[in-house]
Amino acid sequence: MLEHAHVKGTTTPPDRDLSRVRDAIVAQHEFFTKWVRGECAGDDATFDAGVRRLSAELIGIMPGGKAFTFDAFSQYMRSIYASNPKFRIKIRNVAIRHHIGPVFVVNYDEWERDAKDSTPANNGRLTTMVLRESDDDFEILQVHETWLPAEVMAAGDYDF
């Protein structure tokens, strides 16, 4: 079994690719945070701009195993606008695992603080994301989250 901190990629990507991928992932989660906190306009135009990276064919799998499509995720996100002003997300340890043509397979740690819909509310997830390059940005095709081990979450840094 691989230790969480020791997962290795197959190649070392150019810094430019890693920087672009990290920026896209962080920007996507910043939108989610602002939306849930109510720190942006709650209208359709703002929402549509905020989820523009998500593929219409998106498939997501949450840490507990529940899967969702783009439509289901969009409906859920719209319903939780401004529902949790204390919610925070921190993205750490972004690593490109595979880069095949325009497709990137990426792992990162997603730490959440004061998440109402998660138990525990302060938690960490190891996320695998599949992205496809599209012009100067990325399209998110799939997201699969797995809980970090309980002892890792318990020792986590939630000061963000």
N, C-alpha and C. Protein backbone atom coordinates (compact mmCIF):
# COMPACT_ATOMS: atom_id res chain seq x y z
N MET A 1 0.84 -1.18 0.00
CA MET A 1 0.00 0.00 0.00
C MET A 1 0.89 1.24 0.00
N LEU A 2 0.57 2.22 -0.85
CA LEU A 2 1.36 3.44 -0.93
C LEU A 2 1.00 4.36 0.23
N GLU A 3 2.00 4.95 0.79
CA GLU A 3 1.77 5.98 1.80
C GLU A 3 1.32 7.24 1.09
N HIS A 4 0.41 7.97 1.69
CA HIS A 4 -0.13 9.18 1.07
C HIS A 4 0.97 10.14 0.64
N ALA A 5 1.92 10.40 1.48
CA ALA A 5 2.94 11.40 1.19
C ALA A 5 3.96 10.91 0.16
N HIS A 6 3.93 9.64 -0.19
CA HIS A 6 4.96 9.10 -1.07
C HIS A 6 4.45 8.71 -2.45
N VAL A 7 3.26 9.15 -2.84
CA VAL A 7 2.77 8.83 -4.18
C VAL A 7 3.65 9.57 -5.17
N LYS A 8 4.13 8.86 -6.17
CA LYS A 8 5.04 9.45 -7.15
C LYS A 8 4.39 9.45 -8.53
N GLY A 9 4.69 10.48 -9.32
CA GLY A 9 4.23 10.56 -10.69
C GLY A 9 5.14 9.77 -11.61
N THR A 10 4.70 9.61 -12.85
CA THR A 10 5.49 8.85 -13.80
C THR A 10 6.55 9.71 -14.48
N THR A 11 6.30 11.00 -14.56
CA THR A 11 7.27 11.90 -15.16
C THR A 11 7.25 13.22 -14.41
N THR A 12 8.28 13.98 -14.61
CA THR A 12 8.32 15.32 -14.02
C THR A 12 7.88 16.31 -15.09
N PRO A 13 6.71 16.93 -14.91
CA PRO A 13 6.20 17.83 -15.94
C PRO A 13 6.97 19.15 -15.94
N PRO A 14 6.95 19.84 -17.06
CA PRO A 14 7.55 21.18 -17.07
C PRO A 14 6.86 22.07 -16.03
N ASP A 15 7.62 22.96 -15.41
CA ASP A 15 7.07 23.87 -14.41
C ASP A 15 5.87 24.65 -14.93
N ARG A 16 5.90 25.02 -16.21
CA ARG A 16 4.82 25.79 -16.82
C ARG A 16 3.51 25.00 -16.75
N ASP A 17 3.54 23.72 -17.08
CA ASP A 17 2.32 22.90 -17.01
C ASP A 17 1.81 22.81 -15.58
N LEU A 18 2.70 22.53 -14.64
CA LEU A 18 2.29 22.40 -13.25
C LEU A 18 1.70 23.70 -12.74
N SER A 19 2.31 24.81 -13.07
CA SER A 19 1.81 26.11 -12.63
C SER A 19 0.42 26.38 -13.20
N ARG A 20 0.21 26.11 -14.48
CA ARG A 20 -1.09 26.33 -15.12
C ARG A 20 -2.16 25.43 -14.52
N VAL A 21 -1.82 24.15 -14.31
CA VAL A 21 -2.77 23.21 -13.72
C VAL A 21 -3.13 23.63 -12.30
N ARG A 22 -2.12 23.95 -11.50
CA ARG A 22 -2.36 24.38 -10.12
C ARG A 22 -3.24 25.63 -10.10
N ASP A 23 -2.93 26.61 -10.95
CA ASP A 23 -3.72 27.84 -10.99
C ASP A 23 -5.19 27.55 -11.32
N ALA A 24 -5.44 26.65 -12.27
CA ALA A 24 -6.82 26.33 -12.65
C ALA A 24 -7.56 25.64 -11.51
N ILE A 25 -6.89 24.72 -10.84
CA ILE A 25 -7.52 24.00 -9.73
C ILE A 25 -7.81 24.96 -8.57
N VAL A 26 -6.85 25.78 -8.22
CA VAL A 26 -7.04 26.74 -7.13
C VAL A 26 -8.16 27.72 -7.49
N ALA A 27 -8.17 28.24 -8.72
CA ALA A 27 -9.20 29.19 -9.13
C ALA A 27 -10.59 28.55 -9.05
N GLN A 28 -10.71 27.29 -9.45
CA GLN A 28 -12.01 26.62 -9.40
C GLN A 28 -12.50 26.52 -7.96
N HIS A 29 -11.61 26.14 -7.06
CA HIS A 29 -12.00 26.01 -5.65
C HIS A 29 -12.23 27.37 -4.99
N GLU A 30 -11.52 28.40 -5.45
CA GLU A 30 -11.80 29.75 -4.93
C GLU A 30 -13.21 30.18 -5.29
N PHE A 31 -13.64 29.86 -6.52
CA PHE A 31 -15.02 30.18 -6.88
C PHE A 31 -16.00 29.43 -5.98
N PHE A 32 -15.79 28.11 -5.81
CA PHE A 32 -16.70 27.34 -4.95
C PHE A 32 -16.78 27.97 -3.56
N THR A 33 -15.64 28.36 -3.01
CA THR A 33 -15.61 28.95 -1.68
C THR A 33 -16.38 30.26 -1.65
N LYS A 34 -16.12 31.13 -2.61
CA LYS A 34 -16.82 32.42 -2.66
C LYS A 34 -18.32 32.23 -2.83
N TRP A 35 -18.71 31.25 -3.65
CA TRP A 35 -20.13 30.99 -3.87
C TRP A 35 -20.81 30.53 -2.58
N VAL A 36 -20.23 29.56 -1.93
CA VAL A 36 -20.82 29.03 -0.70
C VAL A 36 -20.82 30.09 0.41
N ARG A 37 -19.81 30.92 0.45
CA ARG A 37 -19.73 31.98 1.46
C ARG A 37 -20.61 33.19 1.12
N GLY A 38 -21.08 33.29 -0.13
CA GLY A 38 -21.88 34.43 -0.56
C GLY A 38 -21.03 35.66 -0.84
N GLU A 39 -19.78 35.45 -1.23
CA GLU A 39 -18.86 36.57 -1.47
C GLU A 39 -18.79 36.99 -2.94
N CYS A 40 -19.72 36.50 -3.73
CA CYS A 40 -19.84 36.91 -5.13
C CYS A 40 -21.33 37.05 -5.40
N ALA A 41 -21.64 37.64 -6.53
CA ALA A 41 -23.06 37.76 -6.90
C ALA A 41 -23.66 36.36 -7.06
N GLY A 42 -24.91 36.21 -6.70
CA GLY A 42 -25.57 34.91 -6.76
C GLY A 42 -26.40 34.71 -8.01
N ASP A 43 -26.07 35.43 -9.09
CA ASP A 43 -26.86 35.35 -10.31
C ASP A 43 -26.34 34.28 -11.28
N ASP A 44 -27.12 34.02 -12.32
CA ASP A 44 -26.77 32.99 -13.30
C ASP A 44 -25.46 33.29 -14.01
N ALA A 45 -25.23 34.54 -14.38
CA ALA A 45 -24.01 34.89 -15.11
C ALA A 45 -22.77 34.60 -14.27
N THR A 46 -22.81 34.94 -12.98
CA THR A 46 -21.68 34.67 -12.09
C THR A 46 -21.47 33.18 -11.92
N PHE A 47 -22.56 32.45 -11.73
CA PHE A 47 -22.44 31.00 -11.57
C PHE A 47 -21.88 30.35 -12.82
N ASP A 48 -22.45 30.71 -13.98
CA ASP A 48 -22.00 30.12 -15.24
C ASP A 48 -20.52 30.40 -15.50
N ALA A 49 -20.07 31.62 -15.20
CA ALA A 49 -18.65 31.95 -15.36
C ALA A 49 -17.81 31.14 -14.38
N GLY A 50 -18.32 30.91 -13.19
CA GLY A 50 -17.57 30.19 -12.16
C GLY A 50 -17.41 28.71 -12.43
N VAL A 51 -18.34 28.12 -13.17
CA VAL A 51 -18.25 26.69 -13.46
C VAL A 51 -17.89 26.42 -14.93
N ARG A 52 -17.40 27.42 -15.62
CA ARG A 52 -17.09 27.28 -17.05
C ARG A 52 -16.06 26.20 -17.34
N ARG A 53 -15.20 25.89 -16.37
CA ARG A 53 -14.20 24.85 -16.58
C ARG A 53 -14.78 23.43 -16.47
N LEU A 54 -15.94 23.29 -15.87
CA LEU A 54 -16.53 21.97 -15.67
C LEU A 54 -17.16 21.46 -16.97
N SER A 55 -16.76 20.28 -17.39
CA SER A 55 -17.31 19.68 -18.59
C SER A 55 -18.79 19.37 -18.40
N ALA A 56 -19.56 19.50 -19.48
CA ALA A 56 -20.97 19.10 -19.44
C ALA A 56 -21.09 17.60 -19.18
N GLU A 57 -20.02 16.85 -19.45
CA GLU A 57 -19.99 15.40 -19.21
C GLU A 57 -19.27 15.05 -17.91
N LEU A 58 -19.10 16.03 -17.04
CA LEU A 58 -18.40 15.82 -15.77
C LEU A 58 -18.98 14.65 -15.01
N ILE A 59 -18.07 13.86 -14.44
CA ILE A 59 -18.46 12.85 -13.46
C ILE A 59 -17.61 13.13 -12.21
N GLY A 60 -18.25 13.14 -11.08
CA GLY A 60 -17.55 13.34 -9.82
C GLY A 60 -17.90 12.23 -8.86
N ILE A 61 -16.94 11.87 -8.05
CA ILE A 61 -17.16 10.85 -7.02
C ILE A 61 -16.68 11.42 -5.70
N MET A 62 -17.58 11.50 -4.75
CA MET A 62 -17.27 12.08 -3.45
C MET A 62 -16.57 11.04 -2.56
N PRO A 63 -15.97 11.47 -1.45
CA PRO A 63 -15.23 10.54 -0.60
C PRO A 63 -16.06 9.36 -0.08
N GLY A 64 -17.35 9.56 0.10
CA GLY A 64 -18.21 8.48 0.58
C GLY A 64 -18.71 7.56 -0.53
N GLY A 65 -18.34 7.85 -1.79
CA GLY A 65 -18.71 7.00 -2.90
C GLY A 65 -19.87 7.50 -3.74
N LYS A 66 -20.56 8.55 -3.32
CA LYS A 66 -21.67 9.08 -4.09
C LYS A 66 -21.14 9.76 -5.36
N ALA A 67 -21.73 9.42 -6.49
CA ALA A 67 -21.32 10.00 -7.77
C ALA A 67 -22.30 11.10 -8.18
N PHE A 68 -21.81 12.04 -8.99
CA PHE A 68 -22.67 13.10 -9.50
C PHE A 68 -22.25 13.47 -10.92
N THR A 69 -23.21 14.05 -11.65
CA THR A 69 -22.99 14.56 -13.00
C THR A 69 -22.89 16.08 -12.92
N PHE A 70 -22.57 16.70 -14.03
CA PHE A 70 -22.51 18.16 -14.08
C PHE A 70 -23.87 18.75 -13.68
N ASP A 71 -24.94 18.22 -14.25
CA ASP A 71 -26.26 18.78 -13.96
C ASP A 71 -26.61 18.68 -12.48
N ALA A 72 -26.36 17.52 -11.88
CA ALA A 72 -26.66 17.35 -10.46
C ALA A 72 -25.78 18.26 -9.60
N PHE A 73 -24.51 18.35 -9.95
CA PHE A 73 -23.59 19.21 -9.19
C PHE A 73 -24.01 20.67 -9.31
N SER A 74 -24.35 21.11 -10.51
CA SER A 74 -24.77 22.49 -10.71
C SER A 74 -26.02 22.82 -9.90
N GLN A 75 -26.97 21.91 -9.92
CA GLN A 75 -28.21 22.11 -9.17
C GLN A 75 -27.90 22.23 -7.67
N TYR A 76 -27.05 21.34 -7.17
CA TYR A 76 -26.67 21.38 -5.76
C TYR A 76 -25.96 22.69 -5.43
N MET A 77 -24.96 23.05 -6.23
CA MET A 77 -24.19 24.27 -5.94
C MET A 77 -25.09 25.50 -5.94
N ARG A 78 -25.98 25.58 -6.90
CA ARG A 78 -26.90 26.73 -6.93
C ARG A 78 -27.71 26.80 -5.64
N SER A 79 -28.07 25.65 -5.10
CA SER A 79 -28.93 25.61 -3.91
C SER A 79 -28.20 26.01 -2.63
N ILE A 80 -26.88 26.02 -2.63
CA ILE A 80 -26.15 26.33 -1.39
C ILE A 80 -25.46 27.69 -1.45
N TYR A 81 -25.88 28.54 -2.36
CA TYR A 81 -25.32 29.89 -2.44
C TYR A 81 -25.48 30.60 -1.09
N ALA A 82 -24.38 31.17 -0.61
CA ALA A 82 -24.36 31.97 0.63
C ALA A 82 -24.84 31.20 1.85
N SER A 83 -24.68 29.88 1.84
CA SER A 83 -25.19 29.06 2.93
C SER A 83 -24.21 28.86 4.08
N ASN A 84 -22.94 29.21 3.88
CA ASN A 84 -21.95 28.93 4.92
C ASN A 84 -20.81 29.95 4.87
N PRO A 85 -20.97 31.09 5.56
CA PRO A 85 -19.95 32.14 5.51
C PRO A 85 -18.61 31.75 6.15
N LYS A 86 -18.55 30.64 6.86
CA LYS A 86 -17.30 30.22 7.51
C LYS A 86 -16.50 29.21 6.68
N PHE A 87 -17.08 28.70 5.59
CA PHE A 87 -16.46 27.65 4.78
C PHE A 87 -15.15 28.10 4.13
N ARG A 88 -14.17 27.22 4.15
CA ARG A 88 -12.86 27.48 3.53
C ARG A 88 -12.35 26.20 2.85
N ILE A 89 -11.59 26.39 1.77
CA ILE A 89 -10.88 25.29 1.09
C ILE A 89 -9.43 25.72 0.90
N LYS A 90 -8.52 24.80 1.10
CA LYS A 90 -7.10 25.02 0.82
C LYS A 90 -6.61 23.87 -0.04
N ILE A 91 -6.01 24.18 -1.17
CA ILE A 91 -5.45 23.17 -2.08
C ILE A 91 -3.95 23.08 -1.81
N ARG A 92 -3.47 21.84 -1.64
CA ARG A 92 -2.05 21.61 -1.36
C ARG A 92 -1.53 20.44 -2.21
N ASN A 93 -0.24 20.43 -2.43
CA ASN A 93 0.47 19.28 -3.02
C ASN A 93 -0.05 18.88 -4.39
N VAL A 94 -0.26 19.84 -5.27
CA VAL A 94 -0.70 19.54 -6.63
C VAL A 94 0.43 18.83 -7.37
N ALA A 95 0.12 17.72 -8.00
CA ALA A 95 1.12 16.96 -8.75
C ALA A 95 0.49 16.38 -10.01
N ILE A 96 1.15 16.59 -11.14
CA ILE A 96 0.71 15.98 -12.39
C ILE A 96 1.23 14.55 -12.40
N ARG A 97 0.34 13.59 -12.54
CA ARG A 97 0.73 12.17 -12.56
C ARG A 97 0.93 11.66 -13.97
N HIS A 98 0.09 12.13 -14.89
CA HIS A 98 0.19 11.72 -16.29
C HIS A 98 -0.20 12.90 -17.16
N HIS A 99 0.45 13.03 -18.30
CA HIS A 99 0.12 14.05 -19.29
C HIS A 99 0.17 13.35 -20.64
N ILE A 100 -1.02 13.11 -21.19
CA ILE A 100 -1.14 12.37 -22.44
C ILE A 100 -1.88 13.27 -23.42
N GLY A 101 -1.17 13.79 -24.39
CA GLY A 101 -1.78 14.73 -25.34
C GLY A 101 -2.33 15.92 -24.57
N PRO A 102 -3.62 16.24 -24.78
CA PRO A 102 -4.21 17.38 -24.07
C PRO A 102 -4.75 17.03 -22.68
N VAL A 103 -4.58 15.77 -22.25
CA VAL A 103 -5.19 15.30 -20.99
C VAL A 103 -4.14 15.22 -19.88
N PHE A 104 -4.53 15.74 -18.72
CA PHE A 104 -3.70 15.68 -17.51
C PHE A 104 -4.45 14.91 -16.44
N VAL A 105 -3.76 14.02 -15.76
CA VAL A 105 -4.29 13.35 -14.58
C VAL A 105 -3.49 13.91 -13.41
N VAL A 106 -4.19 14.48 -12.45
CA VAL A 106 -3.57 15.26 -11.38
C VAL A 106 -4.05 14.76 -10.03
N ASN A 107 -3.16 14.77 -9.05
CA ASN A 107 -3.54 14.54 -7.65
C ASN A 107 -3.27 15.80 -6.86
N TYR A 108 -4.10 16.04 -5.85
CA TYR A 108 -3.86 17.14 -4.92
C TYR A 108 -4.61 16.85 -3.63
N ASP A 109 -4.20 17.53 -2.59
CA ASP A 109 -4.89 17.46 -1.31
C ASP A 109 -5.85 18.63 -1.24
N GLU A 110 -7.09 18.35 -0.86
CA GLU A 110 -8.08 19.39 -0.65
C GLU A 110 -8.45 19.37 0.82
N TRP A 111 -8.15 20.47 1.50
CA TRP A 111 -8.47 20.61 2.92
C TRP A 111 -9.66 21.53 3.03
N GLU A 112 -10.65 21.13 3.82
CA GLU A 112 -11.83 21.94 4.03
C GLU A 112 -11.98 22.26 5.51
N ARG A 113 -12.39 23.49 5.76
CA ARG A 113 -12.64 23.94 7.13
C ARG A 113 -14.09 24.41 7.22
N ASP A 114 -14.77 23.96 8.26
CA ASP A 114 -16.16 24.34 8.51
C ASP A 114 -17.09 23.94 7.37
N ALA A 115 -16.91 22.74 6.84
CA ALA A 115 -17.77 22.22 5.77
C ALA A 115 -19.02 21.62 6.39
N LYS A 116 -20.16 22.23 6.14
CA LYS A 116 -21.42 21.77 6.74
C LYS A 116 -21.85 20.39 6.26
N ASP A 117 -21.54 20.07 5.01
CA ASP A 117 -22.03 18.81 4.42
C ASP A 117 -21.04 17.66 4.56
N SER A 118 -20.01 17.82 5.37
CA SER A 118 -19.00 16.76 5.54
C SER A 118 -18.83 16.43 7.00
N THR A 119 -18.48 15.19 7.25
CA THR A 119 -18.17 14.75 8.60
C THR A 119 -16.82 14.05 8.55
N PRO A 120 -15.82 14.61 9.20
CA PRO A 120 -15.88 15.80 10.05
C PRO A 120 -15.93 17.09 9.21
N ALA A 121 -16.37 18.17 9.85
CA ALA A 121 -16.47 19.46 9.16
C ALA A 121 -15.11 19.99 8.75
N ASN A 122 -14.09 19.72 9.54
CA ASN A 122 -12.71 20.01 9.16
C ASN A 122 -12.12 18.71 8.66
N ASN A 123 -11.79 18.68 7.37
CA ASN A 123 -11.40 17.41 6.77
C ASN A 123 -10.39 17.60 5.65
N GLY A 124 -9.83 16.48 5.20
CA GLY A 124 -8.90 16.48 4.09
C GLY A 124 -9.21 15.34 3.14
N ARG A 125 -9.00 15.60 1.87
CA ARG A 125 -9.28 14.61 0.83
C ARG A 125 -8.09 14.54 -0.12
N LEU A 126 -7.80 13.37 -0.59
CA LEU A 126 -6.87 13.20 -1.70
C LEU A 126 -7.74 13.15 -2.94
N THR A 127 -7.49 14.05 -3.86
CA THR A 127 -8.32 14.18 -5.04
C THR A 127 -7.53 13.81 -6.29
N THR A 128 -8.18 13.07 -7.17
CA THR A 128 -7.66 12.82 -8.51
C THR A 128 -8.59 13.57 -9.46
N MET A 129 -7.99 14.39 -10.31
CA MET A 129 -8.76 15.16 -11.29
C MET A 129 -8.21 14.88 -12.68
N VAL A 130 -9.11 14.73 -13.64
CA VAL A 130 -8.73 14.57 -15.03
C VAL A 130 -9.16 15.85 -15.75
N LEU A 131 -8.16 16.51 -16.35
CA LEU A 131 -8.40 17.76 -17.05
C LEU A 131 -7.97 17.62 -18.51
N ARG A 132 -8.63 18.39 -19.37
CA ARG A 132 -8.23 18.43 -20.78
C ARG A 132 -7.93 19.88 -21.13
N GLU A 133 -6.77 20.09 -21.76
CA GLU A 133 -6.43 21.43 -22.21
C GLU A 133 -7.43 21.90 -23.24
N SER A 134 -7.84 23.14 -23.10
CA SER A 134 -8.79 23.75 -24.02
C SER A 134 -8.36 25.20 -24.20
N ASP A 135 -7.77 25.51 -25.34
CA ASP A 135 -7.20 26.82 -25.61
C ASP A 135 -6.16 27.12 -24.52
N ASP A 136 -6.34 28.23 -23.78
CA ASP A 136 -5.38 28.59 -22.74
C ASP A 136 -5.86 28.19 -21.35
N ASP A 137 -6.83 27.29 -21.27
CA ASP A 137 -7.40 26.90 -19.98
C ASP A 137 -7.58 25.39 -19.97
N PHE A 138 -8.35 24.91 -19.01
CA PHE A 138 -8.59 23.48 -18.87
C PHE A 138 -10.07 23.22 -18.70
N GLU A 139 -10.49 22.05 -19.15
CA GLU A 139 -11.84 21.55 -18.93
C GLU A 139 -11.71 20.39 -17.94
N ILE A 140 -12.51 20.41 -16.89
CA ILE A 140 -12.47 19.36 -15.87
C ILE A 140 -13.44 18.26 -16.28
N LEU A 141 -12.88 17.07 -16.52
CA LEU A 141 -13.68 15.95 -17.01
C LEU A 141 -14.15 15.04 -15.87
N GLN A 142 -13.29 14.83 -14.88
CA GLN A 142 -13.63 13.92 -13.79
C GLN A 142 -12.90 14.33 -12.52
N VAL A 143 -13.58 14.10 -11.40
CA VAL A 143 -13.02 14.36 -10.07
C VAL A 143 -13.36 13.16 -9.21
N HIS A 144 -12.38 12.65 -8.49
CA HIS A 144 -12.61 11.53 -7.57
C HIS A 144 -11.88 11.86 -6.27
N GLU A 145 -12.66 11.99 -5.20
CA GLU A 145 -12.11 12.34 -3.89
C GLU A 145 -12.14 11.14 -2.96
N THR A 146 -11.09 11.01 -2.16
CA THR A 146 -10.97 9.96 -1.15
C THR A 146 -10.56 10.62 0.15
N TRP A 147 -11.18 10.23 1.25
CA TRP A 147 -10.79 10.79 2.55
C TRP A 147 -9.31 10.51 2.81
N LEU A 148 -8.62 11.49 3.33
CA LEU A 148 -7.29 11.24 3.86
C LEU A 148 -7.45 10.39 5.11
N PRO A 149 -6.44 9.63 5.49
CA PRO A 149 -6.55 8.83 6.72
C PRO A 149 -6.92 9.72 7.92
N ALA A 150 -7.70 9.16 8.82
CA ALA A 150 -8.19 9.91 9.99
C ALA A 150 -7.06 10.57 10.77
N GLU A 151 -5.94 9.87 10.93
CA GLU A 151 -4.83 10.45 11.69
C GLU A 151 -4.18 11.62 10.95
N VAL A 152 -4.22 11.61 9.61
CA VAL A 152 -3.70 12.73 8.83
C VAL A 152 -4.63 13.93 8.98
N MET A 153 -5.94 13.66 8.89
CA MET A 153 -6.91 14.77 9.07
C MET A 153 -6.81 15.35 10.48
N ALA A 154 -6.69 14.50 11.48
CA ALA A 154 -6.63 14.97 12.87
C ALA A 154 -5.42 15.85 13.11
N ALA A 155 -4.32 15.56 12.41
CA ALA A 155 -3.09 16.33 12.59
C ALA A 155 -2.98 17.49 11.60
N GLY A 156 -4.02 17.70 10.78
CA GLY A 156 -3.97 18.67 9.71
C GLY A 156 -3.88 20.11 10.19
N ASP A 157 -3.36 20.95 9.30
CA ASP A 157 -3.26 22.38 9.55
C ASP A 157 -4.51 23.05 8.96
N TYR A 158 -5.42 23.46 9.81
CA TYR A 158 -6.66 24.09 9.37
C TYR A 158 -6.62 25.61 9.58
N ASP A 159 -5.44 26.15 9.70
CA ASP A 159 -5.28 27.59 9.91
C ASP A 159 -5.16 28.29 8.56
N PHE A 160 -6.28 28.35 7.85
CA PHE A 160 -6.31 29.05 6.56
C PHE A 160 -7.64 29.74 6.40
